[in-house]
Amino acid sequence: MIHASFDNVSSIKAKRLILTATQFTQIQNQAKSTVRTKIYRYYEIMRGAKRVGVAVLISRKVRSKKATILYAFDNKAQLIFTEIMAFAEPPEFIPSPIWMSQLQKQKASARLMVGKDIPTISGATLSARCVSDAARIARAIYQIAIQ
């Protein structure tokens, strides 16, 4: 997905981020969602020596089990793609690719709130909320701690 979304990617560098107390509070306030950890994995998407994007990996509990989602941003904090990497809930609760595509190409200032900016999913409201909450957290992490 990264190679299809970014032109001429030469490498992807795995990085680890530990948020400071200040960053943690700022991210939680900006995302308008509970942040449960200060430790994150992210990836710098490189074209030669130039960084062309960043992908942030977020794990959140949906109902009783976790989902892990990768959110990739360009250098303007615009969400380029979202990919569910792991989803432990029943498969019928996985948001469809069509629904997931609504998150992409949103302006960096978009609120990404389910039921307001993005439609809910009948029968999978908790999954939709999890994905959109995590998108706001990933964007806040990118803007506050990585960019």
C-alpha atoms as a PDB file:
ATOM      1  CA  MET A   1       0.000   0.000   0.000  1.00  0.00           C
ATOM      2  CA  ILE A   2       2.831   2.425   0.792  1.00  0.00           C
ATOM      3  CA  HIS A   3       4.474   1.900  -2.604  1.00  0.00           C
ATOM      4  CA  ALA A   4       1.143   2.408  -4.363  1.00  0.00           C
ATOM      5  CA  SER A   5       0.393   5.615  -2.435  1.00  0.00           C
ATOM      6  CA  PHE A   6       3.784   7.327  -2.631  1.00  0.00           C
ATOM      7  CA  ASP A   7       5.814   7.681  -5.852  1.00  0.00           C
ATOM      8  CA  ASN A   8       9.304   6.168  -6.094  1.00  0.00           C
ATOM      9  CA  VAL A   9       9.699   5.021  -2.486  1.00  0.00           C
ATOM     10  CA  SER A  10      13.288   3.940  -1.955  1.00  0.00           C
ATOM     11  CA  SER A  11      13.091   2.901   1.705  1.00  0.00           C
ATOM     12  CA  ILE A  12      10.861   2.732   4.759  1.00  0.00           C
ATOM     13  CA  LYS A  13      12.571   3.380   8.090  1.00  0.00           C
ATOM     14  CA  ALA A  14      10.993   1.972  11.263  1.00  0.00           C
ATOM     15  CA  LYS A  15      11.158   4.355  14.228  1.00  0.00           C
ATOM     16  CA  ARG A  16       9.979   4.308  17.830  1.00  0.00           C
ATOM     17  CA  LEU A  17       8.435   7.253  19.604  1.00  0.00           C
ATOM     18  CA  ILE A  18       8.014   7.801  23.328  1.00  0.00           C
ATOM     19  CA  LEU A  19       5.799  10.792  24.040  1.00  0.00           C
ATOM     20  CA  THR A  20       6.663  13.327  26.720  1.00  0.00           C
ATOM     21  CA  ALA A  21       3.958  14.187  29.250  1.00  0.00           C
ATOM     22  CA  THR A  22       3.357  17.482  27.427  1.00  0.00           C
ATOM     23  CA  GLN A  23       3.058  15.783  24.021  1.00  0.00           C
ATOM     24  CA  PHE A  24       0.735  13.159  25.502  1.00  0.00           C
ATOM     25  CA  THR A  25      -1.629  15.868  26.817  1.00  0.00           C
ATOM     26  CA  GLN A  26      -1.459  17.915  23.596  1.00  0.00           C
ATOM     27  CA  ILE A  27      -2.210  14.853  21.442  1.00  0.00           C
ATOM     28  CA  GLN A  28      -5.142  13.824  23.621  1.00  0.00           C
ATOM     29  CA  ASN A  29      -6.569  17.363  23.497  1.00  0.00           C
ATOM     30  CA  GLN A  30      -6.105  17.753  19.737  1.00  0.00           C
ATOM     31  CA  ALA A  31      -7.472  14.285  18.924  1.00  0.00           C
ATOM     32  CA  LYS A  32     -10.430  14.675  21.302  1.00  0.00           C
ATOM     33  CA  SER A  33      -9.973  11.030  22.208  1.00  0.00           C
ATOM     34  CA  THR A  34      -8.416   9.084  25.050  1.00  0.00           C
ATOM     35  CA  VAL A  35      -4.773   8.223  24.409  1.00  0.00           C
ATOM     36  CA  ARG A  36      -3.793   5.085  26.294  1.00  0.00           C
ATOM     37  CA  THR A  37      -0.045   4.804  25.724  1.00  0.00           C
ATOM     38  CA  LYS A  38       3.011   6.992  25.263  1.00  0.00           C
ATOM     39  CA  ILE A  39       4.866   4.482  23.069  1.00  0.00           C
ATOM     40  CA  TYR A  40       4.275   4.300  19.311  1.00  0.00           C
ATOM     41  CA  ARG A  41       5.853   2.780  16.226  1.00  0.00           C
ATOM     42  CA  TYR A  42       6.041   4.901  13.102  1.00  0.00           C
ATOM     43  CA  TYR A  43       7.690   4.642   9.709  1.00  0.00           C
ATOM     44  CA  GLU A  44       9.438   7.297   7.652  1.00  0.00           C
ATOM     45  CA  ILE A  45       8.683   6.845   3.959  1.00  0.00           C
ATOM     46  CA  MET A  46      11.736   7.910   1.986  1.00  0.00           C
ATOM     47  CA  ARG A  47      12.521   8.807  -1.613  1.00  0.00           C
ATOM     48  CA  GLY A  48      16.303   8.851  -1.595  1.00  0.00           C
ATOM     49  CA  ALA A  49      17.342  11.140   1.263  1.00  0.00           C
ATOM     50  CA  LYS A  50      13.999  12.995   1.293  1.00  0.00           C
ATOM     51  CA  ARG A  51      11.122  12.027   3.581  1.00  0.00           C
ATOM     52  CA  VAL A  52       7.901  11.989   1.546  1.00  0.00           C
ATOM     53  CA  GLY A  53       5.579  10.689   4.242  1.00  0.00           C
ATOM     54  CA  VAL A  54       5.108   9.100   7.626  1.00  0.00           C
ATOM     55  CA  ALA A  55       2.991   6.109   8.638  1.00  0.00           C
ATOM     56  CA  VAL A  56       1.837   5.765  12.254  1.00  0.00           C
ATOM     57  CA  LEU A  57       0.743   2.439  13.734  1.00  0.00           C
ATOM     58  CA  ILE A  58      -2.106   2.639  16.270  1.00  0.00           C
ATOM     59  CA  SER A  59      -3.570  -0.218  18.356  1.00  0.00           C
ATOM     60  CA  ARG A  60      -6.937   0.298  20.041  1.00  0.00           C
ATOM     61  CA  LYS A  61      -9.578  -1.868  21.637  1.00  0.00           C
ATOM     62  CA  VAL A  62     -12.773  -2.090  19.570  1.00  0.00           C
ATOM     63  CA  ARG A  63     -15.158  -3.972  21.876  1.00  0.00           C
ATOM     64  CA  SER A  64     -13.137  -6.508  23.811  1.00  0.00           C
ATOM     65  CA  LYS A  65     -10.293  -7.168  21.366  1.00  0.00           C
ATOM     66  CA  LYS A  66      -7.700  -5.013  19.636  1.00  0.00           C
ATOM     67  CA  ALA A  67      -7.401  -3.609  16.146  1.00  0.00           C
ATOM     68  CA  THR A  68      -4.091  -2.368  14.762  1.00  0.00           C
ATOM     69  CA  ILE A  69      -4.288   0.209  11.996  1.00  0.00           C
ATOM     70  CA  LEU A  70      -1.622   1.924   9.898  1.00  0.00           C
ATOM     71  CA  TYR A  71      -2.249   5.575   8.963  1.00  0.00           C
ATOM     72  CA  ALA A  72       0.024   7.192   6.355  1.00  0.00           C
ATOM     73  CA  PHE A  73       0.382  10.953   5.974  1.00  0.00           C
ATOM     74  CA  ASP A  74       2.103  13.116   3.409  1.00  0.00           C
ATOM     75  CA  ASN A  75       4.335  16.007   4.494  1.00  0.00           C
ATOM     76  CA  LYS A  76       1.283  18.307   4.719  1.00  0.00           C
ATOM     77  CA  ALA A  77      -0.412  16.066   7.345  1.00  0.00           C
ATOM     78  CA  GLN A  78      -2.992  14.891   4.808  1.00  0.00           C
ATOM     79  CA  LEU A  79      -4.067  11.284   5.398  1.00  0.00           C
ATOM     80  CA  ILE A  80      -3.059   9.339   2.276  1.00  0.00           C
ATOM     81  CA  PHE A  81      -4.189   5.849   3.235  1.00  0.00           C
ATOM     82  CA  THR A  82      -5.429   3.726   6.104  1.00  0.00           C
ATOM     83  CA  GLU A  83      -4.871  -0.006   6.360  1.00  0.00           C
ATOM     84  CA  ILE A  84      -6.124  -2.433   8.995  1.00  0.00           C
ATOM     85  CA  MET A  85      -3.120  -4.576   9.891  1.00  0.00           C
ATOM     86  CA  ALA A  86      -4.802  -6.763  12.535  1.00  0.00           C
ATOM     87  CA  PHE A  87      -8.410  -7.056  13.657  1.00  0.00           C
ATOM     88  CA  ALA A  88      -9.245  -9.537  16.431  1.00  0.00           C
ATOM     89  CA  GLU A  89     -13.001  -8.870  16.492  1.00  0.00           C
ATOM     90  CA  PRO A  90     -15.319 -10.948  14.245  1.00  0.00           C
ATOM     91  CA  PRO A  91     -14.701 -10.235  10.540  1.00  0.00           C
ATOM     92  CA  GLU A  92     -18.205  -8.821  10.009  1.00  0.00           C
ATOM     93  CA  PHE A  93     -17.183  -5.824  12.134  1.00  0.00           C
ATOM     94  CA  ILE A  94     -14.262  -4.842   9.863  1.00  0.00           C
ATOM     95  CA  PRO A  95     -15.024  -1.537   8.110  1.00  0.00           C
ATOM     96  CA  SER A  96     -15.247  -1.927   4.340  1.00  0.00           C
ATOM     97  CA  PRO A  97     -12.579  -0.502   2.014  1.00  0.00           C
ATOM     98  CA  ILE A  98     -15.198   1.941   0.677  1.00  0.00           C
ATOM     99  CA  TRP A  99     -15.921   3.251   4.170  1.00  0.00           C
ATOM    100  CA  MET A 100     -12.187   3.385   4.984  1.00  0.00           C
ATOM    101  CA  SER A 101     -11.529   5.430   1.838  1.00  0.00           C
ATOM    102  CA  GLN A 102     -13.618   8.285   3.313  1.00  0.00           C
ATOM    103  CA  LEU A 103     -10.769   8.999   5.723  1.00  0.00           C
ATOM    104  CA  GLN A 104      -8.315   9.545   2.904  1.00  0.00           C
ATOM    105  CA  LYS A 105      -7.584  12.850   1.242  1.00  0.00           C
ATOM    106  CA  GLN A 106      -9.253  14.735   4.087  1.00  0.00           C
ATOM    107  CA  LYS A 107      -7.773  18.132   4.841  1.00  0.00           C
ATOM    108  CA  ALA A 108      -5.348  18.197   7.759  1.00  0.00           C
ATOM    109  CA  SER A 109      -7.935  20.294   9.623  1.00  0.00           C
ATOM    110  CA  ALA A 110     -10.812  17.801   9.130  1.00  0.00           C
ATOM    111  CA  ARG A 111     -12.286  16.614  12.439  1.00  0.00           C
ATOM    112  CA  LEU A 112     -12.824  12.990  11.300  1.00  0.00           C
ATOM    113  CA  MET A 113     -15.728  12.452  13.687  1.00  0.00           C
ATOM    114  CA  VAL A 114     -18.034   9.481  13.047  1.00  0.00           C
ATOM    115  CA  GLY A 115     -21.640  10.581  12.753  1.00  0.00           C
ATOM    116  CA  LYS A 116     -20.641  14.166  11.913  1.00  0.00           C
ATOM    117  CA  ASP A 117     -17.908  14.205   9.241  1.00  0.00           C
ATOM    118  CA  ILE A 118     -17.954  10.499   8.396  1.00  0.00           C
ATOM    119  CA  PRO A 119     -21.050   8.269   8.233  1.00  0.00           C
ATOM    120  CA  THR A 120     -21.481   5.491  10.780  1.00  0.00           C
ATOM    121  CA  ILE A 121     -21.529   1.825   9.774  1.00  0.00           C
ATOM    122  CA  SER A 122     -24.725  -0.022  10.565  1.00  0.00           C
ATOM    123  CA  GLY A 123     -23.818  -2.955  12.795  1.00  0.00           C
ATOM    124  CA  ALA A 124     -20.191  -1.850  13.201  1.00  0.00           C
ATOM    125  CA  THR A 125     -20.460   1.515  14.948  1.00  0.00           C
ATOM    126  CA  LEU A 126     -17.763   0.637  17.500  1.00  0.00           C
ATOM    127  CA  SER A 127     -15.343  -0.333  14.717  1.00  0.00           C
ATOM    128  CA  ALA A 128     -16.037   2.908  12.849  1.00  0.00           C
ATOM    129  CA  ARG A 129     -15.514   4.929  16.007  1.00  0.00           C
ATOM    130  CA  CYS A 130     -12.275   3.058  16.775  1.00  0.00           C
ATOM    131  CA  VAL A 131     -10.873   3.697  13.272  1.00  0.00           C
ATOM    132  CA  SER A 132     -11.807   7.394  13.245  1.00  0.00           C
ATOM    133  CA  ASP A 133     -10.602   8.005  16.834  1.00  0.00           C
ATOM    134  CA  ALA A 134      -7.293   6.332  15.988  1.00  0.00           C
ATOM    135  CA  ALA A 135      -7.019   8.433  12.799  1.00  0.00           C
ATOM    136  CA  ARG A 136      -7.291  11.613  14.865  1.00  0.00           C
ATOM    137  CA  ILE A 137      -4.712  10.286  17.327  1.00  0.00           C
ATOM    138  CA  ALA A 138      -2.322   9.294  14.520  1.00  0.00           C
ATOM    139  CA  ARG A 139      -2.665  12.719  12.885  1.00  0.00           C
ATOM    140  CA  ALA A 140      -2.076  14.469  16.226  1.00  0.00           C
ATOM    141  CA  ILE A 141       1.006  12.316  16.878  1.00  0.00           C
ATOM    142  CA  TYR A 142       2.322  13.221  13.440  1.00  0.00           C
ATOM    143  CA  GLN A 143       1.649  16.945  13.844  1.00  0.00           C
ATOM    144  CA  ILE A 144       2.859  17.295  17.440  1.00  0.00           C
ATOM    145  CA  ALA A 145       5.631  14.742  17.892  1.00  0.00           C
ATOM    146  CA  ILE A 146       6.976  13.758  14.451  1.00  0.00           C
ATOM    147  CA  GLN A 147       6.551  16.573  11.930  1.00  0.00           C
END
